[in-house]
PDB file of N, CA and C in Angstrom:
ATOM      1  N   MET A   1     -11.539  17.809 -10.823  1.00  0.00           N
ATOM      2  CA  MET A   1     -12.321  16.512 -11.359  1.00  0.00           C
ATOM      3  C   MET A   1     -12.090  15.467 -10.710  1.00  0.00           C
ATOM      4  N   THR A   2     -13.269  14.836 -10.127  1.00  0.00           N
ATOM      5  CA  THR A   2     -13.231  14.277  -9.616  1.00  0.00           C
ATOM      6  C   THR A   2     -13.271  12.397  -9.265  1.00  0.00           C
ATOM      7  N   LEU A   3     -12.426  11.526  -9.303  1.00  0.00           N
ATOM      8  CA  LEU A   3     -11.604  10.171  -9.423  1.00  0.00           C
ATOM      9  C   LEU A   3     -13.008   9.264  -9.014  1.00  0.00           C
ATOM     10  N   VAL A   4     -12.685   8.391  -9.549  1.00  0.00           N
ATOM     11  CA  VAL A   4     -13.995   7.288  -9.264  1.00  0.00           C
ATOM     12  C   VAL A   4     -13.527   6.670  -8.002  1.00  0.00           C
ATOM     13  N   GLU A   5     -14.512   5.988  -7.481  1.00  0.00           N
ATOM     14  CA  GLU A   5     -13.886   5.181  -6.533  1.00  0.00           C
ATOM     15  C   GLU A   5     -13.228   3.515  -7.233  1.00  0.00           C
ATOM     16  N   TYR A   6     -12.670   3.281  -6.320  1.00  0.00           N
ATOM     17  CA  TYR A   6     -12.377   1.731  -6.612  1.00  0.00           C
ATOM     18  C   TYR A   6     -11.048   1.273  -6.026  1.00  0.00           C
ATOM     19  N   ALA A   7     -11.019  -0.021  -6.061  1.00  0.00           N
ATOM     20  CA  ALA A   7     -10.689  -1.362  -5.305  1.00  0.00           C
ATOM     21  C   ALA A   7      -9.035  -0.937  -4.720  1.00  0.00           C
ATOM     22  N   GLY A   8      -8.492  -0.154  -3.399  1.00  0.00           N
ATOM     23  CA  GLY A   8      -7.493   0.123  -2.963  1.00  0.00           C
ATOM     24  C   GLY A   8      -7.171   1.678  -3.145  1.00  0.00           C
ATOM     25  N   LYS A   9      -8.239   2.110  -3.029  1.00  0.00           N
ATOM     26  CA  LYS A   9      -8.968   4.053  -3.267  1.00  0.00           C
ATOM     27  C   LYS A   9      -9.832   3.721  -1.775  1.00  0.00           C
ATOM     28  N   ASP A  10      -8.247   4.404  -0.605  1.00  0.00           N
ATOM     29  CA  ASP A  10      -9.753   4.686   0.877  1.00  0.00           C
ATOM     30  C   ASP A  10     -10.529   6.330  -0.264  1.00  0.00           C
ATOM     31  N   ARG A  11     -11.467   7.021   0.543  1.00  0.00           N
ATOM     32  CA  ARG A  11     -12.374   8.163   0.347  1.00  0.00           C
ATOM     33  C   ARG A  11     -11.600   9.023   0.371  1.00  0.00           C
ATOM     34  N   ASP A  12     -10.919   9.175   1.330  1.00  0.00           N
ATOM     35  CA  ASP A  12      -9.914  10.000   2.277  1.00  0.00           C
ATOM     36  C   ASP A  12      -8.212   9.928   1.553  1.00  0.00           C
ATOM     37  N   ASP A  13      -8.283   9.457   0.423  1.00  0.00           N
ATOM     38  CA  ASP A  13      -6.834   9.362   0.109  1.00  0.00           C
ATOM     39  C   ASP A  13      -7.071  10.391  -0.862  1.00  0.00           C
ATOM     40  N   GLU A  14      -5.980  11.005  -1.332  1.00  0.00           N
ATOM     41  CA  GLU A  14      -5.881  12.683  -2.548  1.00  0.00           C
ATOM     42  C   GLU A  14      -4.899  11.825  -3.213  1.00  0.00           C
ATOM     43  N   PRO A  15      -4.653  12.466  -4.150  1.00  0.00           N
ATOM     44  CA  PRO A  15      -3.699  11.578  -5.343  1.00  0.00           C
ATOM     45  C   PRO A  15      -2.729  12.069  -5.310  1.00  0.00           C
ATOM     46  N   PHE A  16      -1.668  11.459  -4.832  1.00  0.00           N
ATOM     47  CA  PHE A  16      -0.017  11.958  -4.330  1.00  0.00           C
ATOM     48  C   PHE A  16       0.330  13.137  -2.813  1.00  0.00           C
ATOM     49  N   SER A  17      -0.470  12.669  -2.381  1.00  0.00           N
ATOM     50  CA  SER A  17      -0.965  13.383  -1.126  1.00  0.00           C
ATOM     51  C   SER A  17      -0.195  13.305  -0.216  1.00  0.00           C
ATOM     52  N   GLU A  18       0.786  12.329  -0.259  1.00  0.00           N
ATOM     53  CA  GLU A  18       1.882  12.112   0.840  1.00  0.00           C
ATOM     54  C   GLU A  18       3.505  12.149  -0.555  1.00  0.00           C
ATOM     55  N   SER A  19       4.149  12.380   0.541  1.00  0.00           N
ATOM     56  CA  SER A  19       5.692  12.338   0.006  1.00  0.00           C
ATOM     57  C   SER A  19       5.620  10.868  -0.217  1.00  0.00           C
ATOM     58  N   GLN A  20       6.910  10.673  -1.272  1.00  0.00           N
ATOM     59  CA  GLN A  20       7.292   9.619  -2.022  1.00  0.00           C
ATOM     60  C   GLN A  20       8.318   8.758  -0.227  1.00  0.00           C
ATOM     61  N   THR A  21       9.024   9.289   0.040  1.00  0.00           N
ATOM     62  CA  THR A  21       9.347   8.891   0.882  1.00  0.00           C
ATOM     63  C   THR A  21       8.667   7.952   2.630  1.00  0.00           C
ATOM     64  N   ARG A  22       7.790   8.950   2.971  1.00  0.00           N
ATOM     65  CA  ARG A  22       6.495   8.253   3.729  1.00  0.00           C
ATOM     66  C   ARG A  22       5.681   6.894   3.061  1.00  0.00           C
ATOM     67  N   GLN A  23       5.394   7.573   2.250  1.00  0.00           N
ATOM     68  CA  GLN A  23       4.571   6.342   1.200  1.00  0.00           C
ATOM     69  C   GLN A  23       5.499   5.227   1.114  1.00  0.00           C
ATOM     70  N   ALA A  24       6.845   5.291   0.435  1.00  0.00           N
ATOM     71  CA  ALA A  24       7.895   4.004   1.584  1.00  0.00           C
ATOM     72  C   ALA A  24       7.844   3.794   2.036  1.00  0.00           C
ATOM     73  N   ASN A  25       7.767   4.852   3.669  1.00  0.00           N
ATOM     74  CA  ASN A  25       7.686   3.856   4.880  1.00  0.00           C
ATOM     75  C   ASN A  25       6.717   3.301   5.304  1.00  0.00           C
ATOM     76  N   ARG A  26       6.216   3.499   4.693  1.00  0.00           N
ATOM     77  CA  ARG A  26       4.576   2.611   5.165  1.00  0.00           C
ATOM     78  C   ARG A  26       4.638   1.460   4.302  1.00  0.00           C
ATOM     79  N   ARG A  27       4.719   1.468   2.764  1.00  0.00           N
ATOM     80  CA  ARG A  27       4.867   0.143   2.022  1.00  0.00           C
ATOM     81  C   ARG A  27       5.707  -0.627   3.484  1.00  0.00           C
ATOM     82  N   GLU A  28       6.994  -0.323   3.700  1.00  0.00           N
ATOM     83  CA  GLU A  28       7.898  -1.150   4.379  1.00  0.00           C
ATOM     84  C   GLU A  28       7.698  -1.634   5.573  1.00  0.00           C
ATOM     85  N   LYS A  29       6.807  -0.889   6.396  1.00  0.00           N
ATOM     86  CA  LYS A  29       5.799  -1.254   7.669  1.00  0.00           C
ATOM     87  C   LYS A  29       5.112  -2.732   7.121  1.00  0.00           C
ATOM     88  N   ILE A  30       4.239  -2.236   6.312  1.00  0.00           N
ATOM     89  CA  ILE A  30       3.447  -2.783   5.871  1.00  0.00           C
ATOM     90  C   ILE A  30       3.757  -4.539   5.191  1.00  0.00           C
ATOM     91  N   TYR A  31       5.013  -4.292   4.645  1.00  0.00           N
ATOM     92  CA  TYR A  31       5.650  -5.532   4.220  1.00  0.00           C
ATOM     93  C   TYR A  31       6.555  -6.107   5.220  1.00  0.00           C
ATOM     94  N   ASP A  32       6.727  -5.762   6.523  1.00  0.00           N
ATOM     95  CA  ASP A  32       7.640  -5.761   7.845  1.00  0.00           C
ATOM     96  C   ASP A  32       6.335  -6.835   8.810  1.00  0.00           C
ATOM     97  N   LEU A  33       4.839  -6.571   8.832  1.00  0.00           N
ATOM     98  CA  LEU A  33       4.008  -6.730   9.724  1.00  0.00           C
ATOM     99  C   LEU A  33       3.384  -8.372   8.995  1.00  0.00           C
ATOM    100  N   PHE A  34       3.798  -7.553   7.483  1.00  0.00           N
ATOM    101  CA  PHE A  34       3.036  -9.198   6.851  1.00  0.00           C
ATOM    102  C   PHE A  34       4.420 -10.385   6.722  1.00  0.00           C
ATOM    103  N   GLY A  35       5.358  -9.879   6.431  1.00  0.00           N
ATOM    104  CA  GLY A  35       6.448 -11.555   7.406  1.00  0.00           C
ATOM    105  C   GLY A  35       6.887 -11.244   9.129  1.00  0.00           C
ATOM    106  N   LEU A  36       5.831 -10.743   9.552  1.00  0.00           N
ATOM    107  CA  LEU A  36       5.921 -11.209  11.152  1.00  0.00           C
ATOM    108  C   LEU A  36       4.440 -11.834  11.239  1.00  0.00           C
ATOM    109  N   GLY A  37       3.413 -12.875   9.952  1.00  0.00           N
ATOM    110  CA  GLY A  37       2.917 -13.162  10.264  1.00  0.00           C
ATOM    111  C   GLY A  37       1.501 -12.788   9.780  1.00  0.00           C
ATOM    112  N   TYR A  38       1.281 -11.627  10.122  1.00  0.00           N
ATOM    113  CA  TYR A  38      -0.206 -10.764   9.999  1.00  0.00           C
ATOM    114  C   TYR A  38      -0.403 -11.221   8.516  1.00  0.00           C
ATOM    115  N   ASP A  39      -1.775 -10.963   8.618  1.00  0.00           N
ATOM    116  CA  ASP A  39      -2.622 -10.856   7.636  1.00  0.00           C
ATOM    117  C   ASP A  39      -3.377  -9.743   7.071  1.00  0.00           C
ATOM    118  N   THR A  40      -3.566  -9.011   5.999  1.00  0.00           N
ATOM    119  CA  THR A  40      -3.746  -7.763   5.157  1.00  0.00           C
ATOM    120  C   THR A  40      -4.780  -7.597   5.949  1.00  0.00           C
ATOM    121  N   HIS A  41      -5.860  -8.083   6.220  1.00  0.00           N
ATOM    122  CA  HIS A  41      -7.293  -7.592   7.800  1.00  0.00           C
ATOM    123  C   HIS A  41      -6.401  -6.769   8.515  1.00  0.00           C
ATOM    124  N   SER A  42      -5.913  -7.870   8.936  1.00  0.00           N
ATOM    125  CA  SER A  42      -5.323  -7.042  10.875  1.00  0.00           C
ATOM    126  C   SER A  42      -4.017  -5.494  10.428  1.00  0.00           C
ATOM    127  N   ILE A  43      -3.451  -6.002   9.435  1.00  0.00           N
ATOM    128  CA  ILE A  43      -2.475  -4.980   9.094  1.00  0.00           C
ATOM    129  C   ILE A  43      -3.028  -3.653   8.504  1.00  0.00           C
ATOM    130  N   ALA A  44      -4.038  -4.291   7.854  1.00  0.00           N
ATOM    131  CA  ALA A  44      -5.637  -2.750   7.514  1.00  0.00           C
ATOM    132  C   ALA A  44      -5.648  -2.257   9.092  1.00  0.00           C
ATOM    133  N   LYS A  45      -6.501  -2.529   9.886  1.00  0.00           N
ATOM    134  CA  LYS A  45      -6.773  -2.555  10.783  1.00  0.00           C
ATOM    135  C   LYS A  45      -5.856  -1.362  11.819  1.00  0.00           C
ATOM    136  N   MET A  46      -4.196  -1.789  11.827  1.00  0.00           N
ATOM    137  CA  MET A  46      -3.354  -1.321  12.621  1.00  0.00           C
ATOM    138  C   MET A  46      -2.869  -0.266  11.753  1.00  0.00           C
ATOM    139  N   VAL A  47      -2.753  -0.222  10.458  1.00  0.00           N
ATOM    140  CA  VAL A  47      -2.305   1.455   9.576  1.00  0.00           C
ATOM    141  C   VAL A  47      -3.619   2.501   9.288  1.00  0.00           C
ATOM    142  N   ASN A  48      -4.892   1.755   9.890  1.00  0.00           N
ATOM    143  CA  ASN A  48      -5.822   3.241  10.065  1.00  0.00           C
ATOM    144  C   ASN A  48      -5.970   2.945   8.177  1.00  0.00           C
ATOM    145  N   ILE A  49      -6.266   1.819   7.534  1.00  0.00           N
ATOM    146  CA  ILE A  49      -6.469   2.022   6.120  1.00  0.00           C
ATOM    147  C   ILE A  49      -7.070   0.366   5.466  1.00  0.00           C
ATOM    148  N   SER A  50      -7.461   0.901   4.325  1.00  0.00           N
ATOM    149  CA  SER A  50      -8.605  -0.641   3.720  1.00  0.00           C
ATOM    150  C   SER A  50      -7.761  -1.611   3.733  1.00  0.00           C
ATOM    151  N   GLU A  51      -8.402  -2.827   4.292  1.00  0.00           N
ATOM    152  CA  GLU A  51      -7.948  -3.729   3.291  1.00  0.00           C
ATOM    153  C   GLU A  51      -6.656  -4.182   2.221  1.00  0.00           C
ATOM    154  N   SER A  52      -8.199  -3.134   0.780  1.00  0.00           N
ATOM    155  CA  SER A  52      -6.898  -3.578  -0.846  1.00  0.00           C
ATOM    156  C   SER A  52      -6.464  -2.688  -0.286  1.00  0.00           C
ATOM    157  N   THR A  53      -6.376  -1.318   0.237  1.00  0.00           N
ATOM    158  CA  THR A  53      -5.052  -0.623   0.292  1.00  0.00           C
ATOM    159  C   THR A  53      -3.957  -1.304   0.894  1.00  0.00           C
ATOM    160  N   ALA A  54      -4.021  -1.940   1.947  1.00  0.00           N
ATOM    161  CA  ALA A  54      -2.433  -2.524   2.267  1.00  0.00           C
ATOM    162  C   ALA A  54      -2.119  -3.485   1.524  1.00  0.00           C
ATOM    163  N   LEU A  55      -3.786  -4.517   0.883  1.00  0.00           N
ATOM    164  CA  LEU A  55      -2.469  -5.274  -0.798  1.00  0.00           C
ATOM    165  C   LEU A  55      -1.831  -4.641  -1.238  1.00  0.00           C
ATOM    166  N   ARG A  56      -2.188  -3.568  -1.821  1.00  0.00           N
ATOM    167  CA  ARG A  56      -1.865  -3.000  -2.360  1.00  0.00           C
ATOM    168  C   ARG A  56      -0.564  -2.262  -3.069  1.00  0.00           C
ATOM    169  N   LEU A  57      -0.471  -2.226  -1.509  1.00  0.00           N
ATOM    170  CA  LEU A  57       0.720  -1.373  -0.990  1.00  0.00           C
ATOM    171  C   LEU A  57       2.288  -2.664  -0.831  1.00  0.00           C
ATOM    172  N   LEU A  58       1.285  -3.550  -0.051  1.00  0.00           N
ATOM    173  CA  LEU A  58       2.014  -5.097  -0.009  1.00  0.00           C
ATOM    174  C   LEU A  58       2.825  -5.012  -0.915  1.00  0.00           C
ATOM    175  N   THR A  59       1.578  -5.747  -1.896  1.00  0.00           N
ATOM    176  CA  THR A  59       2.230  -5.647  -3.040  1.00  0.00           C
ATOM    177  C   THR A  59       3.500  -5.368  -4.130  1.00  0.00           C
ATOM    178  N   ILE A  60       3.622  -3.587  -4.001  1.00  0.00           N
ATOM    179  CA  ILE A  60       4.013  -2.571  -4.357  1.00  0.00           C
ATOM    180  C   ILE A  60       5.883  -3.107  -3.540  1.00  0.00           C
ATOM    181  N   GLU A  61       5.379  -3.390  -2.724  1.00  0.00           N
ATOM    182  CA  GLU A  61       6.330  -3.636  -1.987  1.00  0.00           C
ATOM    183  C   GLU A  61       7.167  -5.063  -2.329  1.00  0.00           C
ATOM    184  N   ARG A  62       6.575  -5.905  -2.417  1.00  0.00           N
ATOM    185  CA  ARG A  62       7.206  -6.888  -2.558  1.00  0.00           C
ATOM    186  C   ARG A  62       7.513  -6.782  -3.968  1.00  0.00           C
ATOM    187  N   CYS A  63       7.435  -6.159  -4.675  1.00  0.00           N
ATOM    188  CA  CYS A  63       8.032  -6.817  -6.255  1.00  0.00           C
ATOM    189  C   CYS A  63       8.878  -5.120  -6.563  1.00  0.00           C
ATOM    190  N   ASN A  64       9.148  -4.490  -5.243  1.00  0.00           N
ATOM    191  CA  ASN A  64      10.451  -3.586  -5.127  1.00  0.00           C
ATOM    192  C   ASN A  64      11.427  -4.401  -4.952  1.00  0.00           C
ATOM    193  N   ARG A  65      11.030  -5.123  -3.567  1.00  0.00           N
ATOM    194  CA  ARG A  65      12.916  -6.347  -3.223  1.00  0.00           C
ATOM    195  C   ARG A  65      12.762  -7.076  -3.743  1.00  0.00           C
ATOM    196  N   LYS A  66      11.609  -7.901  -4.976  1.00  0.00           N
ATOM    197  CA  LYS A  66      12.777  -9.111  -5.697  1.00  0.00           C
ATOM    198  C   LYS A  66      12.695  -8.678  -6.928  1.00  0.00           C
ATOM    199  N   PHE A  67      13.049  -6.531  -7.039  1.00  0.00           N
ATOM    200  CA  PHE A  67      13.099  -6.302  -8.303  1.00  0.00           C
ATOM    201  C   PHE A  67      11.633  -7.148  -9.678  1.00  0.00           C
ATOM    202  N   LEU A  68      11.219  -6.887  -9.465  1.00  0.00           N
ATOM    203  CA  LEU A  68       9.717  -6.894 -10.016  1.00  0.00           C
ATOM    204  C   LEU A  68       8.918  -6.650 -10.450  1.00  0.00           C
ATOM    205  N   PRO A  69       8.135  -6.712 -11.769  1.00  0.00           N
ATOM    206  CA  PRO A  69       7.501  -5.285 -12.135  1.00  0.00           C
ATOM    207  C   PRO A  69       6.321  -5.377 -11.469  1.00  0.00           C
ATOM    208  N   SER A  70       6.300  -4.187 -11.320  1.00  0.00           N
ATOM    209  CA  SER A  70       4.633  -3.585 -10.384  1.00  0.00           C
ATOM    210  C   SER A  70       3.646  -4.094 -11.522  1.00  0.00           C
ATOM    211  N   PRO A  71       2.676  -4.681 -10.803  1.00  0.00           N
ATOM    212  CA  PRO A  71       0.798  -4.723 -11.061  1.00  0.00           C
ATOM    213  C   PRO A  71       0.134  -3.414 -11.812  1.00  0.00           C
ATOM    214  N   TYR A  72       0.451  -2.231 -10.550  1.00  0.00           N
ATOM    215  CA  TYR A  72       0.316  -1.074 -10.422  1.00  0.00           C
ATOM    216  C   TYR A  72       0.811  -0.502 -11.132  1.00  0.00           C
ATOM    217  N   GLY A  73       2.223  -0.539 -11.491  1.00  0.00           N
ATOM    218  CA  GLY A  73       2.977   0.419 -12.488  1.00  0.00           C
ATOM    219  C   GLY A  73       3.791   1.448 -11.950  1.00  0.00           C
ATOM    220  N   VAL A  74       4.025   1.347 -10.548  1.00  0.00           N
ATOM    221  CA  VAL A  74       4.502   2.030  -9.239  1.00  0.00           C
ATOM    222  C   VAL A  74       5.209   1.180  -9.500  1.00  0.00           C
ATOM    223  N   GLN A  75       7.084   1.486  -9.311  1.00  0.00           N
ATOM    224  CA  GLN A  75       7.816   1.612  -9.049  1.00  0.00           C
ATOM    225  C   GLN A  75       9.462   2.344  -8.266  1.00  0.00           C
ATOM    226  N   SER A  76       9.062   2.555  -6.926  1.00  0.00           N
ATOM    227  CA  SER A  76      10.180   3.526  -6.054  1.00  0.00           C
ATOM    228  C   SER A  76      10.281   3.563  -4.714  1.00  0.00           C
TER     229      SER A  76
END
């Protein structure tokens, strides 16, 4: 089955290809960079992902830290 591309999905992304720990560490790093004043475009270039993916991961981490429901349905 081939997934249809959408905002926030990189072409190279395979569903669930990274361990949850690695994914959580990446979200934390992105959140910390955003807190230091970097925008999502700069962060995306630093960690070599699309800007939409950076925004999605930032939003998920922000929701986790504020104990809010994620608009993406991911809470971990």
